[in-house]
Amino acid sequence: MELFLQADTSSLGYQIGYRIGSWLPFVLLAILLFFMIRSIRRQQKKGN
């Protein structure tokens, strides 16, 4: 007897998880870029 697990793609939890999962990489990259630019600007201000 074989069991095949299928995701319930119509459920609200799946929809929310799918949306978060698709946006998460972009959001993380944007946050990292923001902090990198901010730290670089702070270093430049200290140097002047």
N, C-alpha and C. Protein backbone atom coordinates (compact mmCIF):
# COMPACT_ATOMS: atom_id res chain seq x y z
N MET A 1 0.84 -1.19 0.00
CA MET A 1 0.00 0.00 0.00
C MET A 1 0.89 1.25 0.00
N GLU A 2 0.70 2.09 -1.00
CA GLU A 2 1.50 3.31 -1.11
C GLU A 2 0.66 4.51 -0.72
N LEU A 3 1.28 5.41 0.01
CA LEU A 3 0.59 6.63 0.41
C LEU A 3 1.20 7.81 -0.33
N PHE A 4 0.34 8.57 -0.97
CA PHE A 4 0.79 9.79 -1.64
C PHE A 4 0.22 10.98 -0.89
N LEU A 5 1.11 11.83 -0.40
CA LEU A 5 0.66 13.02 0.32
C LEU A 5 0.54 14.16 -0.68
N GLN A 6 -0.64 14.76 -0.71
CA GLN A 6 -0.87 15.88 -1.61
C GLN A 6 -1.22 17.11 -0.79
N ALA A 7 -0.62 18.23 -1.12
CA ALA A 7 -0.92 19.47 -0.41
C ALA A 7 -2.31 19.96 -0.81
N ASP A 8 -3.05 20.44 0.17
CA ASP A 8 -4.37 21.01 -0.10
C ASP A 8 -4.16 22.45 -0.55
N THR A 9 -4.06 22.63 -1.85
CA THR A 9 -3.71 23.95 -2.39
C THR A 9 -4.85 24.95 -2.27
N SER A 10 -6.03 24.52 -1.89
CA SER A 10 -7.16 25.44 -1.76
C SER A 10 -7.31 25.98 -0.35
N SER A 11 -6.55 25.43 0.61
CA SER A 11 -6.70 25.87 1.99
C SER A 11 -6.05 27.23 2.21
N LEU A 12 -6.58 27.98 3.15
CA LEU A 12 -6.08 29.32 3.44
C LEU A 12 -4.64 29.29 3.93
N GLY A 13 -4.32 28.32 4.78
CA GLY A 13 -2.96 28.21 5.31
C GLY A 13 -1.94 28.00 4.20
N TYR A 14 -2.30 27.19 3.22
CA TYR A 14 -1.39 26.94 2.10
C TYR A 14 -1.20 28.22 1.29
N GLN A 15 -2.30 28.92 1.02
CA GLN A 15 -2.21 30.15 0.23
C GLN A 15 -1.32 31.18 0.92
N ILE A 16 -1.51 31.37 2.23
CA ILE A 16 -0.70 32.33 2.98
C ILE A 16 0.76 31.90 2.98
N GLY A 17 1.02 30.64 3.24
CA GLY A 17 2.39 30.14 3.26
C GLY A 17 3.06 30.27 1.91
N TYR A 18 2.31 30.04 0.85
CA TYR A 18 2.87 30.15 -0.49
C TYR A 18 3.23 31.60 -0.80
N ARG A 19 2.35 32.52 -0.42
CA ARG A 19 2.63 33.95 -0.65
C ARG A 19 3.86 34.40 0.13
N ILE A 20 3.92 34.03 1.42
CA ILE A 20 5.07 34.42 2.25
C ILE A 20 6.34 33.80 1.69
N GLY A 21 6.28 32.55 1.32
CA GLY A 21 7.45 31.87 0.78
C GLY A 21 7.95 32.46 -0.51
N SER A 22 7.04 33.00 -1.33
CA SER A 22 7.46 33.57 -2.60
C SER A 22 8.03 34.97 -2.43
N TRP A 23 7.59 35.69 -1.39
CA TRP A 23 8.08 37.05 -1.16
C TRP A 23 9.28 37.10 -0.23
N LEU A 24 9.46 36.07 0.60
CA LEU A 24 10.50 36.11 1.63
C LEU A 24 11.91 36.36 1.10
N PRO A 25 12.37 35.67 0.06
CA PRO A 25 13.74 35.92 -0.42
C PRO A 25 13.96 37.37 -0.83
N PHE A 26 12.98 37.95 -1.54
CA PHE A 26 13.10 39.34 -1.98
C PHE A 26 13.15 40.30 -0.80
N VAL A 27 12.30 40.06 0.19
CA VAL A 27 12.26 40.93 1.37
C VAL A 27 13.58 40.85 2.13
N LEU A 28 14.11 39.65 2.31
CA LEU A 28 15.38 39.49 3.03
C LEU A 28 16.52 40.19 2.30
N LEU A 29 16.56 40.06 0.97
CA LEU A 29 17.61 40.73 0.21
C LEU A 29 17.49 42.25 0.32
N ALA A 30 16.26 42.76 0.28
CA ALA A 30 16.05 44.20 0.40
C ALA A 30 16.50 44.71 1.76
N ILE A 31 16.19 43.97 2.82
CA ILE A 31 16.60 44.38 4.17
C ILE A 31 18.12 44.35 4.30
N LEU A 32 18.75 43.30 3.79
CA LEU A 32 20.21 43.22 3.85
C LEU A 32 20.86 44.37 3.09
N LEU A 33 20.33 44.67 1.90
CA LEU A 33 20.87 45.76 1.11
C LEU A 33 20.72 47.09 1.84
N PHE A 34 19.58 47.30 2.48
CA PHE A 34 19.33 48.53 3.24
C PHE A 34 20.36 48.70 4.35
N PHE A 35 20.60 47.63 5.11
CA PHE A 35 21.56 47.72 6.21
C PHE A 35 22.99 47.91 5.70
N MET A 36 23.32 47.28 4.57
CA MET A 36 24.66 47.44 4.01
C MET A 36 24.89 48.89 3.58
N ILE A 37 23.92 49.47 2.90
CA ILE A 37 24.04 50.86 2.45
C ILE A 37 24.13 51.80 3.64
N ARG A 38 23.32 51.53 4.66
CA ARG A 38 23.33 52.38 5.85
C ARG A 38 24.68 52.33 6.55
N SER A 39 25.26 51.14 6.67
CA SER A 39 26.55 51.02 7.36
C SER A 39 27.66 51.68 6.54
N ILE A 40 27.58 51.57 5.22
CA ILE A 40 28.59 52.20 4.37
C ILE A 40 28.51 53.72 4.51
N ARG A 41 27.31 54.26 4.54
CA ARG A 41 27.15 55.71 4.69
C ARG A 41 27.66 56.18 6.05
N ARG A 42 27.43 55.39 7.09
CA ARG A 42 27.94 55.76 8.42
C ARG A 42 29.46 55.79 8.42
N GLN A 43 30.09 54.82 7.77
CA GLN A 43 31.55 54.77 7.71
C GLN A 43 32.09 55.96 6.93
N GLN A 44 31.40 56.36 5.88
CA GLN A 44 31.85 57.50 5.09
C GLN A 44 31.74 58.79 5.90
N LYS A 45 30.70 58.92 6.71
CA LYS A 45 30.54 60.11 7.54
C LYS A 45 31.64 60.19 8.59
N LYS A 46 32.03 59.05 9.16
CA LYS A 46 33.10 59.03 10.16
C LYS A 46 34.43 59.41 9.53
N GLY A 47 34.63 59.04 8.28
CA GLY A 47 35.89 59.31 7.61
C GLY A 47 36.08 60.78 7.27
N ASN A 48 34.99 61.52 7.10
CA ASN A 48 35.10 62.93 6.70
C ASN A 48 35.55 63.81 7.81
